[in-house]
Amino acid sequence: MHLAISLNIAAANEQTVLDFGQVSSFVRKAEAAGVDMVIISDSADKPSSSLFEPTTLLAALATVTDRIGLVAAASTVAHQPYNLARRFASLDIISHGRTGWNATLKQSPREAANFSRPEGFSDTEFRRRAEEYIGIVQGLWQGWDADALLFDRTGGRFHDPEMMHLLDHKGEFFSVRGPLNVARSPQDSPVLVLSDLSEPDLDIAARTADVILLESGSVDSAKARFDDLKRRAVAAGRDPDAVKVLTNISLAADDGPTAAADRLESQFRAKSCDGFNIQLSEPRLALDDFVDHILPELRQRGLVRKGYRGTTLRSHLGLDGGGDR
């Protein structure tokens, strides 16, 4: 059972704004518990506030953690694909291969107005643009073969030209030549997490995502979605295990540990998901309850591993790449 924990750093209404000490304490506790990854998000449709931009926060968190995967939300509207690809490639080097990008396929109603598109995008235009964007980012991440960068001062060679691949993309929305001026990722490429999917997005996710986050539902409906996504991955020429499907699930602090563990176990054993993205109602208090009571119950049942299986996020998730799967 793979486990992620979502941390929304945006405060809304009466919530307290988290400072870096509080955020880093939260992430370090999740790491000590052996959670695969923490997903940092601050997007909200209602007015909110945060002290941090998520990818900047990720760089700081990488310096105070050693093993846990660090995933940040970053909008396809707020960033150009080349800059975003470069930023996450850099973050992956800083974190020694523990970084992931959470891309949402749902359009924020107000976001485009902050980036010179006051009229926004139609749903179909947003989807086409997002798919093109994701393809560019993943293509840029693969622009250098392993060991392509030589840094040979004596011979005056920065790289091996045979191991560099120009993207040379010219599409409906973007034109990007490439390659990135950042070295290849320690885990081959950062992990791509896709969320907020509607039915037309499922083929995109099955072709491109490493991790898919889905909303919870009945066990039967979740299993049907899970099986459908795995079939779509196979139809796209991928190994079904190359796509991890996690169910978003909310655990309140007052959920009893046995009942919460029963809930997770029943969904997991029904093969309706590969694991869960835990959404905590009150992050710090609920994390204590999850780590101290629910997680030990899951381990006792043999559902969760006791330690990290490698050093990269891909190795935690059992995905190809990273060298230490």
Protein backbone atom coordinates (compact mmCIF):
# COMPACT_ATOMS: atom_id res chain seq x y z
CA MET A 1 0.00 0.00 0.00
CA HIS A 2 1.52 3.31 -1.12
CA LEU A 3 0.80 6.31 1.06
CA ALA A 4 0.92 10.02 0.31
CA ILE A 5 -0.17 12.84 2.58
CA SER A 6 -1.55 16.10 1.23
CA LEU A 7 -0.56 19.34 2.92
CA ASN A 8 -2.43 22.45 1.82
CA ILE A 9 -0.26 25.40 2.87
CA ALA A 10 -2.94 27.95 2.03
CA ALA A 11 -4.97 29.20 4.98
CA ALA A 12 -8.60 30.02 4.39
CA ASN A 13 -11.22 31.56 6.67
CA GLU A 14 -10.10 31.13 10.31
CA GLN A 15 -7.20 28.74 9.65
CA THR A 16 -3.70 29.54 10.86
CA VAL A 17 -1.01 30.29 8.27
CA LEU A 18 1.77 27.68 8.59
CA ASP A 19 5.32 28.96 8.93
CA PHE A 20 8.36 27.05 7.66
CA GLY A 21 9.11 25.51 11.04
CA GLN A 22 5.62 24.06 11.22
CA VAL A 23 5.69 22.79 7.64
CA SER A 24 9.13 21.21 8.00
CA SER A 25 8.15 19.58 11.31
CA PHE A 26 5.09 18.08 9.61
CA VAL A 27 7.13 16.71 6.69
CA ARG A 28 9.89 15.32 8.92
CA LYS A 29 7.32 13.47 11.03
CA ALA A 30 5.78 12.00 7.88
CA GLU A 31 9.28 10.93 6.80
CA ALA A 32 10.01 9.29 10.15
CA ALA A 33 6.79 7.33 9.69
CA GLY A 34 7.93 6.09 6.25
CA VAL A 35 5.25 7.83 4.18
CA ASP A 36 6.11 7.66 0.46
CA MET A 37 5.52 11.33 -0.30
CA VAL A 38 4.04 14.61 0.84
CA ILE A 39 2.07 16.60 -1.74
CA ILE A 40 2.28 20.37 -1.24
CA SER A 41 -0.62 22.40 -2.59
CA ASP A 42 -1.84 25.92 -1.97
CA SER A 43 -4.44 26.31 -4.68
CA ALA A 44 -7.95 27.26 -3.64
CA ASP A 45 -10.97 28.70 -5.41
CA LYS A 46 -11.78 30.88 -2.43
CA PRO A 47 -9.57 33.66 -1.01
CA SER A 48 -6.63 32.19 0.89
CA SER A 49 -3.17 33.08 2.03
CA SER A 50 0.20 31.36 2.33
CA LEU A 51 3.71 32.38 3.15
CA PHE A 52 5.19 30.23 0.39
CA GLU A 53 5.15 29.35 -3.29
CA PRO A 54 5.12 25.51 -3.36
CA THR A 55 8.17 24.79 -5.53
CA THR A 56 10.30 27.25 -3.54
CA LEU A 57 9.13 25.56 -0.36
CA LEU A 58 10.10 22.19 -1.84
CA ALA A 59 13.71 23.33 -2.29
CA ALA A 60 13.89 24.27 1.38
CA LEU A 61 12.24 21.03 2.51
CA ALA A 62 14.76 19.02 0.47
CA THR A 63 17.54 20.36 2.70
CA VAL A 64 15.89 19.23 5.96
CA THR A 65 14.75 15.75 4.83
CA ASP A 66 16.56 12.71 3.47
CA ARG A 67 14.16 10.08 2.12
CA ILE A 68 10.55 11.21 1.77
CA GLY A 69 9.23 12.13 -1.68
CA LEU A 70 8.43 15.82 -2.15
CA VAL A 71 5.70 16.72 -4.64
CA ALA A 72 4.55 20.26 -5.42
CA ALA A 73 1.57 21.55 -7.34
CA ALA A 74 2.47 23.88 -10.20
CA SER A 75 0.01 25.28 -12.67
CA THR A 76 0.20 24.86 -16.43
CA VAL A 77 -1.24 28.39 -16.68
CA ALA A 78 1.14 30.15 -14.28
CA HIS A 79 4.38 28.75 -15.78
CA GLN A 80 5.89 28.32 -19.21
CA PRO A 81 6.69 24.62 -19.84
CA TYR A 82 10.43 25.16 -20.30
CA ASN A 83 10.76 27.06 -17.02
CA LEU A 84 8.66 24.52 -15.14
CA ALA A 85 10.63 21.58 -16.54
CA ARG A 86 13.88 23.31 -15.60
CA ARG A 87 12.63 24.11 -12.09
CA PHE A 88 11.58 20.55 -11.29
CA ALA A 89 14.73 19.09 -12.83
CA SER A 90 16.74 21.37 -10.54
CA LEU A 91 14.60 20.39 -7.55
CA ASP A 92 15.21 16.74 -8.33
CA ILE A 93 18.96 17.28 -8.27
CA ILE A 94 18.73 19.25 -5.00
CA SER A 95 16.65 16.48 -3.41
CA HIS A 96 18.76 13.62 -4.85
CA GLY A 97 15.85 12.22 -6.84
CA ARG A 98 12.86 12.74 -4.54
CA THR A 99 10.80 15.30 -6.46
CA GLY A 100 7.45 15.13 -8.23
CA TRP A 101 5.20 17.57 -10.08
CA ASN A 102 1.47 17.57 -9.32
CA ALA A 103 -0.33 18.87 -12.39
CA THR A 104 -4.03 19.50 -12.11
CA LEU A 105 -6.26 19.07 -15.15
CA LYS A 106 -8.95 21.28 -13.64
CA GLN A 107 -8.99 24.95 -14.54
CA SER A 108 -9.05 27.45 -11.68
CA PRO A 109 -11.80 30.02 -12.36
CA ARG A 110 -9.62 33.01 -11.49
CA GLU A 111 -6.07 31.92 -12.25
CA ALA A 112 -5.86 32.78 -15.96
CA ALA A 113 -6.80 36.40 -15.22
CA ASN A 114 -3.49 36.78 -13.37
CA PHE A 115 -1.55 35.64 -16.45
CA SER A 116 -2.89 37.82 -19.24
CA ARG A 117 -5.90 35.62 -20.03
CA PRO A 118 -8.86 37.34 -18.33
CA GLU A 119 -11.28 35.32 -20.44
CA GLY A 120 -9.67 32.04 -19.36
CA PHE A 121 -9.84 28.94 -21.55
CA SER A 122 -12.67 26.75 -22.70
CA ASP A 123 -12.62 23.28 -21.14
CA THR A 124 -11.54 21.61 -24.38
CA GLU A 125 -8.89 24.26 -25.05
CA PHE A 126 -7.53 23.92 -21.51
CA ARG A 127 -7.34 20.14 -21.92
CA ARG A 128 -5.54 20.30 -25.28
CA ARG A 129 -3.14 22.90 -23.92
CA ALA A 130 -2.44 20.89 -20.75
CA GLU A 131 -1.77 17.70 -22.73
CA GLU A 132 0.65 19.52 -25.02
CA TYR A 133 2.30 21.17 -22.01
CA ILE A 134 2.82 17.86 -20.19
CA GLY A 135 4.32 16.29 -23.31
CA ILE A 136 6.80 19.16 -23.61
CA VAL A 137 7.87 18.93 -19.97
CA GLN A 138 8.38 15.17 -20.14
CA GLY A 139 10.23 15.52 -23.44
CA LEU A 140 12.57 18.11 -21.95
CA TRP A 141 13.25 15.88 -18.95
CA GLN A 142 14.42 13.21 -21.39
CA GLY A 143 16.62 15.57 -23.41
CA TRP A 144 19.88 14.26 -21.95
CA ASP A 145 20.89 10.61 -21.93
CA ALA A 146 22.53 9.27 -18.81
CA ASP A 147 26.13 10.50 -18.51
CA ALA A 148 25.64 12.96 -21.38
CA LEU A 149 27.17 15.84 -19.42
CA LEU A 150 30.94 15.43 -19.36
CA PHE A 151 32.18 18.66 -17.73
CA ASP A 152 35.55 17.93 -19.35
CA ARG A 153 37.60 21.07 -18.72
CA THR A 154 40.79 19.64 -20.16
CA GLY A 155 39.19 18.58 -23.41
CA GLY A 156 36.84 21.56 -23.50
CA ARG A 157 33.75 19.36 -23.80
CA PHE A 158 30.64 20.18 -21.75
CA HIS A 159 28.57 17.32 -23.16
CA ASP A 160 28.52 14.46 -25.64
CA PRO A 161 26.49 15.74 -28.63
CA GLU A 162 25.37 12.20 -29.46
CA MET A 163 23.64 11.98 -26.07
CA MET A 164 21.72 15.26 -26.38
CA HIS A 165 18.28 15.36 -28.00
CA LEU A 166 16.61 18.55 -29.20
CA LEU A 167 12.89 18.60 -28.52
CA ASP A 168 12.17 21.00 -31.37
CA HIS A 169 8.46 21.11 -30.49
CA LYS A 170 6.07 23.21 -32.56
CA GLY A 171 2.48 22.73 -31.49
CA GLU A 172 -0.90 24.41 -31.21
CA PHE A 173 0.01 26.40 -28.10
CA PHE A 174 3.78 26.21 -27.61
CA SER A 175 7.05 26.27 -29.50
CA VAL A 176 10.01 24.88 -27.52
CA ARG A 177 13.40 23.96 -28.97
CA GLY A 178 15.21 22.47 -25.95
CA PRO A 179 17.23 20.93 -24.49
CA LEU A 180 17.15 21.90 -20.82
CA ASN A 181 20.26 23.55 -19.44
CA VAL A 182 19.96 21.31 -16.37
CA ALA A 183 21.42 17.82 -16.01
CA ARG A 184 19.33 14.66 -16.27
CA SER A 185 17.27 13.81 -13.21
CA PRO A 186 18.83 11.42 -10.65
CA GLN A 187 15.69 9.28 -11.04
CA ASP A 188 15.61 9.65 -14.87
CA SER A 189 12.75 12.15 -14.59
CA PRO A 190 10.73 13.68 -11.75
CA VAL A 191 7.51 11.84 -10.91
CA LEU A 192 4.40 13.18 -12.68
CA VAL A 193 1.28 13.22 -10.50
CA LEU A 194 -2.04 14.07 -12.17
CA SER A 195 -5.12 15.14 -10.23
CA ASP A 196 -8.62 16.60 -10.67
CA LEU A 197 -9.39 14.38 -13.64
CA SER A 198 -12.65 14.30 -15.55
CA GLU A 199 -13.65 11.49 -17.91
CA PRO A 200 -11.99 13.05 -21.01
CA ASP A 201 -8.71 13.33 -19.07
CA LEU A 202 -8.35 9.62 -18.34
CA ASP A 203 -6.60 8.70 -21.58
CA ILE A 204 -4.12 11.57 -21.07
CA ALA A 205 -3.41 10.32 -17.56
CA ALA A 206 -3.03 6.70 -18.64
CA ARG A 207 -0.49 7.74 -21.31
CA THR A 208 1.58 10.16 -19.25
CA ALA A 209 1.14 9.94 -15.47
CA ASP A 210 3.27 8.06 -12.96
CA VAL A 211 0.68 8.63 -10.22
CA ILE A 212 -3.03 9.39 -10.61
CA LEU A 213 -5.05 10.83 -7.73
CA LEU A 214 -8.74 9.94 -7.78
CA GLU A 215 -11.60 11.00 -5.52
CA SER A 216 -13.00 8.38 -3.18
CA GLY A 217 -16.28 6.60 -3.81
CA SER A 218 -17.81 3.21 -3.21
CA VAL A 219 -15.48 0.23 -3.37
CA ASP A 220 -17.23 -1.06 -6.49
CA SER A 221 -17.01 2.25 -8.35
CA ALA A 222 -13.39 2.73 -7.29
CA LYS A 223 -12.49 -0.77 -8.53
CA ALA A 224 -14.19 -0.09 -11.85
CA ARG A 225 -12.19 3.14 -12.29
CA PHE A 226 -8.97 1.42 -11.22
CA ASP A 227 -9.43 -1.44 -13.69
CA ASP A 228 -10.40 1.02 -16.43
CA LEU A 229 -7.25 3.11 -15.92
CA LYS A 230 -5.02 0.04 -15.96
CA ARG A 231 -6.65 -1.09 -19.22
CA ARG A 232 -6.10 2.35 -20.71
CA ALA A 233 -2.43 2.22 -19.70
CA VAL A 234 -2.01 -1.14 -21.44
CA ALA A 235 -3.77 0.22 -24.54
CA ALA A 236 -1.24 3.08 -24.52
CA GLY A 237 1.61 0.55 -24.59
CA ARG A 238 2.53 0.84 -20.92
CA ASP A 239 2.97 -1.69 -18.15
CA PRO A 240 -0.10 -1.29 -15.91
CA ASP A 241 2.18 -1.19 -12.87
CA ALA A 242 3.89 1.89 -14.34
CA VAL A 243 0.83 3.91 -13.30
CA LYS A 244 0.03 4.07 -9.59
CA VAL A 245 -3.57 4.95 -8.73
CA LEU A 246 -4.08 6.53 -5.31
CA THR A 247 -7.47 7.29 -3.82
CA ASN A 248 -7.93 10.62 -2.05
CA ILE A 249 -9.34 9.85 1.36
CA SER A 250 -10.14 12.16 4.27
CA LEU A 251 -9.37 11.01 7.81
CA ALA A 252 -10.67 13.15 10.63
CA ALA A 253 -8.81 13.31 13.93
CA ASP A 254 -11.74 11.64 15.67
CA ASP A 255 -11.73 8.54 13.43
CA GLY A 256 -10.87 5.52 15.54
CA PRO A 257 -7.64 3.81 14.41
CA THR A 258 -9.24 0.40 13.98
CA ALA A 259 -12.16 1.78 11.95
CA ALA A 260 -9.83 3.90 9.81
CA ALA A 261 -7.51 0.95 9.18
CA ASP A 262 -10.51 -1.25 8.32
CA ARG A 263 -11.66 1.34 5.80
CA LEU A 264 -8.28 1.51 4.08
CA GLU A 265 -7.76 -2.24 4.16
CA SER A 266 -11.15 -3.06 2.64
CA GLN A 267 -10.56 -0.70 -0.31
CA PHE A 268 -6.99 -1.86 -0.85
CA ARG A 269 -7.73 -5.59 -0.67
CA ALA A 270 -10.59 -5.10 -3.13
CA LYS A 271 -7.87 -3.99 -5.59
CA SER A 272 -9.57 -0.66 -6.10
CA CYS A 273 -6.30 1.32 -5.79
CA ASP A 274 -2.55 1.06 -5.29
CA GLY A 275 -2.75 3.13 -2.12
CA PHE A 276 -4.08 6.37 -0.70
CA ASN A 277 -3.49 10.09 -0.62
CA ILE A 278 -4.42 10.99 2.94
CA GLN A 279 -6.19 14.33 3.29
CA LEU A 280 -6.09 15.44 6.91
CA SER A 281 -8.84 17.68 8.28
CA GLU A 282 -6.48 19.48 10.70
CA PRO A 283 -2.96 18.75 9.45
CA ARG A 284 -0.80 18.73 12.55
CA LEU A 285 -3.20 17.08 15.01
CA ALA A 286 -4.54 14.58 12.47
CA LEU A 287 -1.01 13.65 11.36
CA ASP A 288 -0.12 12.72 14.95
CA ASP A 289 -3.19 10.49 15.13
CA PHE A 290 -2.44 8.89 11.75
CA VAL A 291 1.26 8.26 12.48
CA ASP A 292 0.86 7.17 16.10
CA HIS A 293 -2.28 5.03 15.82
CA ILE A 294 -3.53 4.25 12.30
CA LEU A 295 -0.19 3.56 10.61
CA PRO A 296 0.94 1.04 13.25
CA GLU A 297 -2.37 -0.76 12.80
CA LEU A 298 -1.79 -0.94 9.03
CA ARG A 299 1.76 -2.24 9.56
CA GLN A 300 0.54 -4.88 11.99
CA ARG A 301 -1.79 -6.11 9.25
CA GLY A 302 1.11 -6.31 6.79
CA LEU A 303 -0.29 -3.61 4.51
CA VAL A 304 2.50 -1.03 4.72
CA ARG A 305 6.26 -1.53 4.46
CA LYS A 306 8.43 -0.67 7.47
CA GLY A 307 11.09 1.38 5.69
CA TYR A 308 11.96 3.06 2.42
CA ARG A 309 12.93 0.64 -0.32
CA GLY A 310 15.47 3.02 -1.90
CA THR A 311 16.54 6.64 -2.02
CA THR A 312 14.41 8.09 -4.82
CA LEU A 313 10.69 8.74 -5.04
CA ARG A 314 10.45 6.37 -7.98
CA SER A 315 12.01 3.62 -5.88
CA HIS A 316 9.51 4.28 -3.06
CA LEU A 317 6.67 3.84 -5.55
CA GLY A 318 8.17 0.82 -7.31
CA LEU A 319 8.50 2.70 -10.60
CA ASP A 320 11.23 2.29 -13.21
CA GLY A 321 14.08 4.78 -12.99
CA GLY A 322 16.23 6.10 -10.22
CA GLY A 323 18.72 3.26 -10.29
CA ASP A 324 17.84 1.86 -6.86
CA ARG A 325 14.39 0.39 -7.35
